[in-house]
PDB file of all heavy atoms in Angstrom:
ATOM      1  N   ARG A   1     -20.185   3.876  17.955  1.00  0.00           N
ATOM      2  CA  ARG A   1     -19.321   4.803  18.709  1.00  0.00           C
ATOM      3  C   ARG A   1     -19.547   6.236  18.230  1.00  0.00           C
ATOM      4  O   ARG A   1     -19.620   7.163  19.027  1.00  0.00           O
ATOM      5  CB  ARG A   1     -17.851   4.391  18.550  1.00  0.00           C
ATOM      6  CG  ARG A   1     -16.893   5.329  19.195  1.00  0.00           C
ATOM      7  CD  ARG A   1     -16.981   5.244  20.723  1.00  0.00           C
ATOM      8  NE  ARG A   1     -16.387   6.428  21.295  1.00  0.00           N
ATOM      9  CZ  ARG A   1     -16.989   7.244  22.142  1.00  0.00           C
ATOM     10  NH1 ARG A   1     -18.203   6.993  22.566  1.00  0.00           N
ATOM     11  NH2 ARG A   1     -16.388   8.305  22.592  1.00  0.00           N
ATOM     12  N   LEU A   2     -19.640   6.413  16.911  1.00  0.00           N
ATOM     13  CA  LEU A   2     -19.927   7.755  16.389  1.00  0.00           C
ATOM     14  C   LEU A   2     -21.298   8.228  16.849  1.00  0.00           C
ATOM     15  O   LEU A   2     -21.475   9.405  17.171  1.00  0.00           O
ATOM     16  CB  LEU A   2     -19.812   7.768  14.866  1.00  0.00           C
ATOM     17  CG  LEU A   2     -18.381   7.717  14.335  1.00  0.00           C
ATOM     18  CD1 LEU A   2     -18.373   7.459  12.838  1.00  0.00           C
ATOM     19  CD2 LEU A   2     -17.639   8.998  14.667  1.00  0.00           C
ATOM     20  N   HIS A   3     -22.256   7.319  16.890  1.00  0.00           N
ATOM     21  CA  HIS A   3     -23.589   7.684  17.392  1.00  0.00           C
ATOM     22  C   HIS A   3     -23.511   8.155  18.843  1.00  0.00           C
ATOM     23  O   HIS A   3     -24.218   9.075  19.243  1.00  0.00           O
ATOM     24  CB  HIS A   3     -24.550   6.497  17.314  1.00  0.00           C
ATOM     25  CG  HIS A   3     -24.969   6.158  15.926  1.00  0.00           C
ATOM     26  ND1 HIS A   3     -25.719   5.050  15.644  1.00  0.00           N
ATOM     27  CD2 HIS A   3     -24.767   6.772  14.739  1.00  0.00           C
ATOM     28  CE1 HIS A   3     -25.959   4.995  14.349  1.00  0.00           C
ATOM     29  NE2 HIS A   3     -25.381   6.036  13.775  1.00  0.00           N
ATOM     30  N   ASP A   4     -22.656   7.528  19.634  1.00  0.00           N
ATOM     31  CA  ASP A   4     -22.522   7.901  21.041  1.00  0.00           C
ATOM     32  C   ASP A   4     -21.998   9.324  21.194  1.00  0.00           C
ATOM     33  O   ASP A   4     -22.290   9.994  22.171  1.00  0.00           O
ATOM     34  CB  ASP A   4     -21.594   6.920  21.765  1.00  0.00           C
ATOM     35  CG  ASP A   4     -21.689   7.037  23.272  1.00  0.00           C
ATOM     36  OD1 ASP A   4     -22.814   7.167  23.796  1.00  0.00           O
ATOM     37  OD2 ASP A   4     -20.641   6.999  23.928  1.00  0.00           O
ATOM     38  N   THR A   5     -21.234   9.778  20.210  1.00  0.00           N
ATOM     39  CA  THR A   5     -20.713  11.154  20.258  1.00  0.00           C
ATOM     40  C   THR A   5     -21.661  12.134  19.569  1.00  0.00           C
ATOM     41  O   THR A   5     -21.342  13.309  19.446  1.00  0.00           O
ATOM     42  CB  THR A   5     -19.319  11.246  19.606  1.00  0.00           C
ATOM     43  OG1 THR A   5     -19.407  10.877  18.231  1.00  0.00           O
ATOM     44  CG2 THR A   5     -18.318  10.379  20.323  1.00  0.00           C
ATOM     45  N   GLY A   6     -22.812  11.625  19.094  1.00  0.00           N
ATOM     46  CA  GLY A   6     -23.802  12.495  18.473  1.00  0.00           C
ATOM     47  C   GLY A   6     -23.581  12.721  16.990  1.00  0.00           C
ATOM     48  O   GLY A   6     -24.156  13.630  16.409  1.00  0.00           O
ATOM     49  N   LYS A   7     -22.763  11.895  16.355  1.00  0.00           N
ATOM     50  CA  LYS A   7     -22.460  12.060  14.935  1.00  0.00           C
ATOM     51  C   LYS A   7     -23.024  10.897  14.128  1.00  0.00           C
ATOM     52  O   LYS A   7     -23.221   9.817  14.640  1.00  0.00           O
ATOM     53  CB  LYS A   7     -20.953  12.162  14.742  1.00  0.00           C
ATOM     54  CG  LYS A   7     -20.374  13.400  15.402  1.00  0.00           C
ATOM     55  CD  LYS A   7     -18.867  13.380  15.337  1.00  0.00           C
ATOM     56  CE  LYS A   7     -18.265  14.606  15.974  1.00  0.00           C
ATOM     57  NZ  LYS A   7     -18.524  14.732  17.385  1.00  0.00           N
ATOM     58  N   SER A   8     -23.231  11.139  12.847  1.00  0.00           N
ATOM     59  CA  SER A   8     -23.738  10.116  11.947  1.00  0.00           C
ATOM     60  C   SER A   8     -22.648   9.081  11.663  1.00  0.00           C
ATOM     61  O   SER A   8     -21.455   9.407  11.634  1.00  0.00           O
ATOM     62  CB  SER A   8     -24.169  10.765  10.632  1.00  0.00           C
ATOM     63  OG  SER A   8     -24.420   9.781   9.652  1.00  0.00           O
ATOM     64  N   GLY A   9     -23.059   7.865  11.407  1.00  0.00           N
ATOM     65  CA  GLY A   9     -22.117   6.808  11.071  1.00  0.00           C
ATOM     66  C   GLY A   9     -21.406   7.057   9.753  1.00  0.00           C
ATOM     67  O   GLY A   9     -20.319   6.533   9.505  1.00  0.00           O
ATOM     68  N   ARG A  10     -21.993   7.886   8.915  1.00  0.00           N
ATOM     69  CA  ARG A  10     -21.352   8.226   7.640  1.00  0.00           C
ATOM     70  C   ARG A  10     -20.040   8.969   7.841  1.00  0.00           C
ATOM     71  O   ARG A  10     -19.219   9.039   6.943  1.00  0.00           O
ATOM     72  CB  ARG A  10     -22.293   9.063   6.782  1.00  0.00           C
ATOM     73  CG  ARG A  10     -23.421   8.251   6.232  1.00  0.00           C
ATOM     74  CD  ARG A  10     -24.276   9.057   5.287  1.00  0.00           C
ATOM     75  NE  ARG A  10     -25.666   8.760   5.649  1.00  0.00           N
ATOM     76  CZ  ARG A  10     -26.603   9.655   5.831  1.00  0.00           C
ATOM     77  NH1 ARG A  10     -26.352  10.920   5.668  1.00  0.00           N
ATOM     78  NH2 ARG A  10     -27.815   9.286   6.174  1.00  0.00           N
ATOM     79  N   ARG A  11     -19.860   9.499   9.036  1.00  0.00           N
ATOM     80  CA  ARG A  11     -18.638  10.233   9.345  1.00  0.00           C
ATOM     81  C   ARG A  11     -17.415   9.311   9.265  1.00  0.00           C
ATOM     82  O   ARG A  11     -16.288   9.769   9.181  1.00  0.00           O
ATOM     83  CB  ARG A  11     -18.785  10.858  10.729  1.00  0.00           C
ATOM     84  CG  ARG A  11     -17.632  11.584  11.259  1.00  0.00           C
ATOM     85  CD  ARG A  11     -17.456  13.046  11.039  1.00  0.00           C
ATOM     86  NE  ARG A  11     -18.455  14.024  11.100  1.00  0.00           N
ATOM     87  CZ  ARG A  11     -18.477  15.010  11.959  1.00  0.00           C
ATOM     88  NH1 ARG A  11     -17.636  15.050  12.954  1.00  0.00           N
ATOM     89  NH2 ARG A  11     -19.361  15.964  11.866  1.00  0.00           N
ATOM     90  N   MET A  12     -17.628   7.989   9.281  1.00  0.00           N
ATOM     91  CA  MET A  12     -16.517   7.036   9.146  1.00  0.00           C
ATOM     92  C   MET A  12     -15.794   7.226   7.823  1.00  0.00           C
ATOM     93  O   MET A  12     -14.600   6.964   7.724  1.00  0.00           O
ATOM     94  CB  MET A  12     -17.025   5.595   9.218  1.00  0.00           C
ATOM     95  CG  MET A  12     -17.224   5.107  10.601  1.00  0.00           C
ATOM     96  SD  MET A  12     -17.765   3.400  10.691  1.00  0.00           S
ATOM     97  CE  MET A  12     -16.968   2.602   9.340  1.00  0.00           C
ATOM     98  N   LEU A  13     -16.517   7.678   6.817  1.00  0.00           N
ATOM     99  CA  LEU A  13     -15.918   7.850   5.494  1.00  0.00           C
ATOM    100  C   LEU A  13     -14.808   8.895   5.491  1.00  0.00           C
ATOM    101  O   LEU A  13     -13.993   8.925   4.571  1.00  0.00           O
ATOM    102  CB  LEU A  13     -17.001   8.214   4.474  1.00  0.00           C
ATOM    103  CG  LEU A  13     -18.069   7.143   4.258  1.00  0.00           C
ATOM    104  CD1 LEU A  13     -19.150   7.655   3.325  1.00  0.00           C
ATOM    105  CD2 LEU A  13     -17.450   5.869   3.732  1.00  0.00           C
ATOM    106  N   ILE A  14     -14.755   9.708   6.520  1.00  0.00           N
ATOM    107  CA  ILE A  14     -13.706  10.715   6.620  1.00  0.00           C
ATOM    108  C   ILE A  14     -12.327  10.067   6.663  1.00  0.00           C
ATOM    109  O   ILE A  14     -11.338  10.655   6.246  1.00  0.00           O
ATOM    110  CB  ILE A  14     -13.937  11.627   7.843  1.00  0.00           C
ATOM    111  CG1 ILE A  14     -13.246  12.961   7.653  1.00  0.00           C
ATOM    112  CG2 ILE A  14     -13.467  10.983   9.123  1.00  0.00           C
ATOM    113  CD1 ILE A  14     -13.710  14.017   8.623  1.00  0.00           C
ATOM    114  N   ALA A  15     -12.253   8.838   7.116  1.00  0.00           N
ATOM    115  CA  ALA A  15     -10.978   8.117   7.200  1.00  0.00           C
ATOM    116  C   ALA A  15     -10.384   7.849   5.816  1.00  0.00           C
ATOM    117  O   ALA A  15      -9.199   7.541   5.704  1.00  0.00           O
ATOM    118  CB  ALA A  15     -11.157   6.810   7.957  1.00  0.00           C
ATOM    119  N   LEU A  16     -11.182   7.978   4.766  1.00  0.00           N
ATOM    120  CA  LEU A  16     -10.693   7.754   3.412  1.00  0.00           C
ATOM    121  C   LEU A  16      -9.897   8.928   2.862  1.00  0.00           C
ATOM    122  O   LEU A  16      -9.227   8.790   1.848  1.00  0.00           O
ATOM    123  CB  LEU A  16     -11.867   7.433   2.480  1.00  0.00           C
ATOM    124  CG  LEU A  16     -12.666   6.168   2.825  1.00  0.00           C
ATOM    125  CD1 LEU A  16     -13.864   6.031   1.910  1.00  0.00           C
ATOM    126  CD2 LEU A  16     -11.779   4.941   2.778  1.00  0.00           C
ATOM    127  N   ILE A  17      -9.963  10.071   3.518  1.00  0.00           N
ATOM    128  CA  ILE A  17      -9.191  11.234   3.084  1.00  0.00           C
ATOM    129  C   ILE A  17      -7.727  10.962   3.411  1.00  0.00           C
ATOM    130  O   ILE A  17      -7.397  10.641   4.546  1.00  0.00           O
ATOM    131  CB  ILE A  17      -9.669  12.517   3.797  1.00  0.00           C
ATOM    132  CG1 ILE A  17     -11.126  12.792   3.460  1.00  0.00           C
ATOM    133  CG2 ILE A  17      -8.777  13.706   3.430  1.00  0.00           C
ATOM    134  CD1 ILE A  17     -11.738  13.908   4.294  1.00  0.00           C
ATOM    135  N   PRO A  18      -6.835  11.089   2.430  1.00  0.00           N
ATOM    136  CA  PRO A  18      -5.418  10.792   2.700  1.00  0.00           C
ATOM    137  C   PRO A  18      -4.838  11.667   3.824  1.00  0.00           C
ATOM    138  O   PRO A  18      -5.158  12.836   3.948  1.00  0.00           O
ATOM    139  CB  PRO A  18      -4.728  11.108   1.371  1.00  0.00           C
ATOM    140  CG  PRO A  18      -5.808  10.998   0.354  1.00  0.00           C
ATOM    141  CD  PRO A  18      -7.074  11.423   1.046  1.00  0.00           C
ATOM    142  N   ILE A  19      -4.022  11.092   4.615  1.00  0.00           N
ATOM    143  CA  ILE A  19      -3.251  11.665   5.722  1.00  0.00           C
ATOM    144  C   ILE A  19      -4.128  12.229   6.835  1.00  0.00           C
ATOM    145  O   ILE A  19      -4.117  11.725   7.948  1.00  0.00           O
ATOM    146  CB  ILE A  19      -2.232  12.708   5.230  1.00  0.00           C
ATOM    147  CG1 ILE A  19      -1.270  12.040   4.235  1.00  0.00           C
ATOM    148  CG2 ILE A  19      -1.444  13.297   6.396  1.00  0.00           C
ATOM    149  CD1 ILE A  19      -0.400  12.990   3.465  1.00  0.00           C
ATOM    150  N   ALA A  20      -4.885  13.273   6.584  1.00  0.00           N
ATOM    151  CA  ALA A  20      -5.663  13.922   7.645  1.00  0.00           C
ATOM    152  C   ALA A  20      -6.890  13.106   8.048  1.00  0.00           C
ATOM    153  O   ALA A  20      -7.326  13.172   9.198  1.00  0.00           O
ATOM    154  CB  ALA A  20      -6.095  15.311   7.203  1.00  0.00           C
ATOM    155  N   GLY A  21      -7.449  12.323   7.145  1.00  0.00           N
ATOM    156  CA  GLY A  21      -8.662  11.573   7.412  1.00  0.00           C
ATOM    157  C   GLY A  21      -8.548  10.608   8.586  1.00  0.00           C
ATOM    158  O   GLY A  21      -9.371  10.647   9.500  1.00  0.00           O
ATOM    159  N   PRO A  22      -7.539   9.731   8.581  1.00  0.00           N
ATOM    160  CA  PRO A  22      -7.409   8.807   9.718  1.00  0.00           C
ATOM    161  C   PRO A  22      -7.194   9.518  11.051  1.00  0.00           C
ATOM    162  O   PRO A  22      -7.698   9.070  12.082  1.00  0.00           O
ATOM    163  CB  PRO A  22      -6.192   7.955   9.345  1.00  0.00           C
ATOM    164  CG  PRO A  22      -6.139   8.017   7.855  1.00  0.00           C
ATOM    165  CD  PRO A  22      -6.630   9.386   7.497  1.00  0.00           C
ATOM    166  N   VAL A  23      -6.497  10.635  11.025  1.00  0.00           N
ATOM    167  CA  VAL A  23      -6.281  11.395  12.260  1.00  0.00           C
ATOM    168  C   VAL A  23      -7.605  11.954  12.756  1.00  0.00           C
ATOM    169  O   VAL A  23      -7.938  11.847  13.943  1.00  0.00           O
ATOM    170  CB  VAL A  23      -5.246  12.523  12.044  1.00  0.00           C
ATOM    171  CG1 VAL A  23      -5.168  13.432  13.252  1.00  0.00           C
ATOM    172  CG2 VAL A  23      -3.886  11.938  11.707  1.00  0.00           C
ATOM    173  N   MET A  24      -8.393  12.527  11.858  1.00  0.00           N
ATOM    174  CA  MET A  24      -9.689  13.086  12.235  1.00  0.00           C
ATOM    175  C   MET A  24     -10.635  11.979  12.714  1.00  0.00           C
ATOM    176  O   MET A  24     -11.409  12.183  13.649  1.00  0.00           O
ATOM    177  CB  MET A  24     -10.292  13.859  11.059  1.00  0.00           C
ATOM    178  CG  MET A  24      -9.499  15.107  10.734  1.00  0.00           C
ATOM    179  SD  MET A  24      -9.856  15.947   9.174  1.00  0.00           S
ATOM    180  CE  MET A  24     -11.575  15.851   8.977  1.00  0.00           C
ATOM    181  N   TYR A  25     -10.546  10.807  12.102  1.00  0.00           N
ATOM    182  CA  TYR A  25     -11.361   9.660  12.508  1.00  0.00           C
ATOM    183  C   TYR A  25     -11.013   9.246  13.935  1.00  0.00           C
ATOM    184  O   TYR A  25     -11.895   9.048  14.771  1.00  0.00           O
ATOM    185  CB  TYR A  25     -11.138   8.509  11.528  1.00  0.00           C
ATOM    186  CG  TYR A  25     -11.799   7.219  11.917  1.00  0.00           C
ATOM    187  CD1 TYR A  25     -13.166   7.046  11.735  1.00  0.00           C
ATOM    188  CD2 TYR A  25     -11.067   6.178  12.462  1.00  0.00           C
ATOM    189  CE1 TYR A  25     -13.784   5.854  12.086  1.00  0.00           C
ATOM    190  CE2 TYR A  25     -11.673   4.987  12.814  1.00  0.00           C
ATOM    191  CZ  TYR A  25     -13.024   4.830  12.623  1.00  0.00           C
ATOM    192  OH  TYR A  25     -13.631   3.658  12.979  1.00  0.00           O
ATOM    193  N   LEU A  26      -9.723   9.134  14.237  1.00  0.00           N
ATOM    194  CA  LEU A  26      -9.295   8.748  15.586  1.00  0.00           C
ATOM    195  C   LEU A  26      -9.707   9.774  16.634  1.00  0.00           C
ATOM    196  O   LEU A  26     -10.107   9.408  17.737  1.00  0.00           O
ATOM    197  CB  LEU A  26      -7.787   8.533  15.630  1.00  0.00           C
ATOM    198  CG  LEU A  26      -7.312   7.217  15.040  1.00  0.00           C
ATOM    199  CD1 LEU A  26      -5.798   7.159  15.003  1.00  0.00           C
ATOM    200  CD2 LEU A  26      -7.859   6.041  15.811  1.00  0.00           C
ATOM    201  N   VAL A  27      -9.629  11.038  16.281  1.00  0.00           N
ATOM    202  CA  VAL A  27     -10.069  12.083  17.207  1.00  0.00           C
ATOM    203  C   VAL A  27     -11.560  11.922  17.489  1.00  0.00           C
ATOM    204  O   VAL A  27     -12.003  12.039  18.632  1.00  0.00           O
ATOM    205  CB  VAL A  27      -9.754  13.489  16.649  1.00  0.00           C
ATOM    206  CG1 VAL A  27     -10.455  14.578  17.433  1.00  0.00           C
ATOM    207  CG2 VAL A  27      -8.251  13.724  16.641  1.00  0.00           C
ATOM    208  N   GLY A  28     -12.332  11.615  16.463  1.00  0.00           N
ATOM    209  CA  GLY A  28     -13.769  11.389  16.651  1.00  0.00           C
ATOM    210  C   GLY A  28     -14.060  10.200  17.546  1.00  0.00           C
ATOM    211  O   GLY A  28     -15.001  10.214  18.340  1.00  0.00           O
ATOM    212  N   MET A  29     -13.241   9.172  17.453  1.00  0.00           N
ATOM    213  CA  MET A  29     -13.455   7.976  18.269  1.00  0.00           C
ATOM    214  C   MET A  29     -13.057   8.186  19.730  1.00  0.00           C
ATOM    215  O   MET A  29     -13.519   7.469  20.603  1.00  0.00           O
ATOM    216  CB  MET A  29     -12.672   6.786  17.706  1.00  0.00           C
ATOM    217  CG  MET A  29     -13.194   6.302  16.398  1.00  0.00           C
ATOM    218  SD  MET A  29     -14.913   5.770  16.559  1.00  0.00           S
ATOM    219  CE  MET A  29     -15.380   5.615  14.879  1.00  0.00           C
ATOM    220  N   THR A  30     -12.200   9.154  19.992  1.00  0.00           N
ATOM    221  CA  THR A  30     -11.793   9.424  21.372  1.00  0.00           C
ATOM    222  C   THR A  30     -12.662  10.472  22.044  1.00  0.00           C
ATOM    223  O   THR A  30     -12.529  10.698  23.243  1.00  0.00           O
ATOM    224  CB  THR A  30     -10.321   9.881  21.436  1.00  0.00           C
ATOM    225  OG1 THR A  30     -10.170  11.075  20.668  1.00  0.00           O
ATOM    226  CG2 THR A  30      -9.385   8.808  20.925  1.00  0.00           C
ATOM    227  N   ALA A  31     -13.553  11.102  21.287  1.00  0.00           N
ATOM    228  CA  ALA A  31     -14.411  12.149  21.847  1.00  0.00           C
ATOM    229  C   ALA A  31     -15.312  11.579  22.940  1.00  0.00           C
ATOM    230  O   ALA A  31     -15.671  10.405  22.925  1.00  0.00           O
ATOM    231  CB  ALA A  31     -15.256  12.775  20.744  1.00  0.00           C
ATOM    232  N   ASP A  32     -15.679  12.439  23.873  1.00  0.00           N
ATOM    233  CA  ASP A  32     -16.548  12.016  24.969  1.00  0.00           C
ATOM    234  C   ASP A  32     -17.977  11.826  24.467  1.00  0.00           C
ATOM    235  O   ASP A  32     -18.392  12.409  23.478  1.00  0.00           O
ATOM    236  CB  ASP A  32     -16.520  13.062  26.085  1.00  0.00           C
ATOM    237  CG  ASP A  32     -17.027  12.509  27.400  1.00  0.00           C
ATOM    238  OD1 ASP A  32     -17.195  11.279  27.516  1.00  0.00           O
ATOM    239  OD2 ASP A  32     -17.254  13.311  28.325  1.00  0.00           O
ATOM    240  N   SER A  33     -18.730  11.029  25.177  1.00  0.00           N
ATOM    241  CA  SER A  33     -20.122  10.743  24.841  1.00  0.00           C
ATOM    242  C   SER A  33     -21.011  11.949  25.083  1.00  0.00           C
ATOM    243  O   SER A  33     -20.695  12.812  25.890  1.00  0.00           O
ATOM    244  CB  SER A  33     -20.649   9.619  25.735  1.00  0.00           C
ATOM    245  OG  SER A  33     -19.852   8.497  25.635  1.00  0.00           O
ATOM    246  N   VAL A  34     -22.134  11.953  24.387  1.00  0.00           N
ATOM    247  CA  VAL A  34     -23.194  12.894  24.718  1.00  0.00           C
ATOM    248  C   VAL A  34     -23.861  12.311  25.960  1.00  0.00           C
ATOM    249  O   VAL A  34     -24.354  11.185  25.918  1.00  0.00           O
ATOM    250  CB  VAL A  34     -24.197  13.024  23.554  1.00  0.00           C
ATOM    251  CG1 VAL A  34     -25.369  13.885  23.947  1.00  0.00           C
ATOM    252  CG2 VAL A  34     -23.510  13.553  22.308  1.00  0.00           C
ATOM    253  N   PRO A  35     -23.848  13.029  27.090  1.00  0.00           N
ATOM    254  CA  PRO A  35     -24.317  12.433  28.349  1.00  0.00           C
ATOM    255  C   PRO A  35     -25.819  12.194  28.435  1.00  0.00           C
ATOM    256  O   PRO A  35     -26.273  11.476  29.309  1.00  0.00           O
ATOM    257  CB  PRO A  35     -23.870  13.447  29.401  1.00  0.00           C
ATOM    258  CG  PRO A  35     -23.748  14.728  28.666  1.00  0.00           C
ATOM    259  CD  PRO A  35     -23.366  14.384  27.265  1.00  0.00           C
ATOM    260  N   THR A  36     -26.565  12.767  27.533  1.00  0.00           N
ATOM    261  CA  THR A  36     -28.017  12.603  27.565  1.00  0.00           C
ATOM    262  C   THR A  36     -28.485  11.818  26.344  1.00  0.00           C
ATOM    263  O   THR A  36     -27.699  11.486  25.468  1.00  0.00           O
ATOM    264  CB  THR A  36     -28.702  13.981  27.569  1.00  0.00           C
ATOM    265  OG1 THR A  36     -28.296  14.685  26.389  1.00  0.00           O
ATOM    266  CG2 THR A  36     -28.329  14.782  28.799  1.00  0.00           C
ATOM    267  N   THR A  37     -29.765  11.561  26.281  1.00  0.00           N
ATOM    268  CA  THR A  37     -30.336  10.890  25.120  1.00  0.00           C
ATOM    269  C   THR A  37     -30.135  11.758  23.890  1.00  0.00           C
ATOM    270  O   THR A  37     -30.320  12.973  23.935  1.00  0.00           O
ATOM    271  CB  THR A  37     -31.841  10.640  25.344  1.00  0.00           C
ATOM    272  OG1 THR A  37     -31.985   9.796  26.493  1.00  0.00           O
ATOM    273  CG2 THR A  37     -32.480   9.983  24.149  1.00  0.00           C
ATOM    274  N   ASN A  38     -29.712  11.138  22.793  1.00  0.00           N
ATOM    275  CA  ASN A  38     -29.619  11.863  21.530  1.00  0.00           C
ATOM    276  C   ASN A  38     -30.463  11.125  20.497  1.00  0.00           C
ATOM    277  O   ASN A  38     -31.197  10.195  20.838  1.00  0.00           O
ATOM    278  CB  ASN A  38     -28.161  12.046  21.084  1.00  0.00           C
ATOM    279  CG  ASN A  38     -27.448  10.750  20.761  1.00  0.00           C
ATOM    280  OD1 ASN A  38     -28.058   9.707  20.558  1.00  0.00           O
ATOM    281  ND2 ASN A  38     -26.128  10.800  20.695  1.00  0.00           N
ATOM    282  N   GLU A  39     -30.366  11.522  19.233  1.00  0.00           N
ATOM    283  CA  GLU A  39     -31.224  10.924  18.212  1.00  0.00           C
ATOM    284  C   GLU A  39     -30.943   9.442  17.978  1.00  0.00           C
ATOM    285  O   GLU A  39     -31.722   8.746  17.333  1.00  0.00           O
ATOM    286  CB  GLU A  39     -31.096  11.689  16.900  1.00  0.00           C
ATOM    287  CG  GLU A  39     -29.695  11.648  16.303  1.00  0.00           C
ATOM    288  CD  GLU A  39     -29.570  12.501  15.055  1.00  0.00           C
ATOM    289  OE1 GLU A  39     -30.116  12.098  14.016  1.00  0.00           O
ATOM    290  OE2 GLU A  39     -28.927  13.552  15.159  1.00  0.00           O
TER     291      GLU A  39
END
């Protein structure tokens, strides 16, 4: 899912940050896809 938004899978680790991390993770998961081919 993170790849679909053009981000690295390592970005999942952001959820480990207390309080703000899970919120930022959920925002990343709701982001729209990159409509074209990405890396």
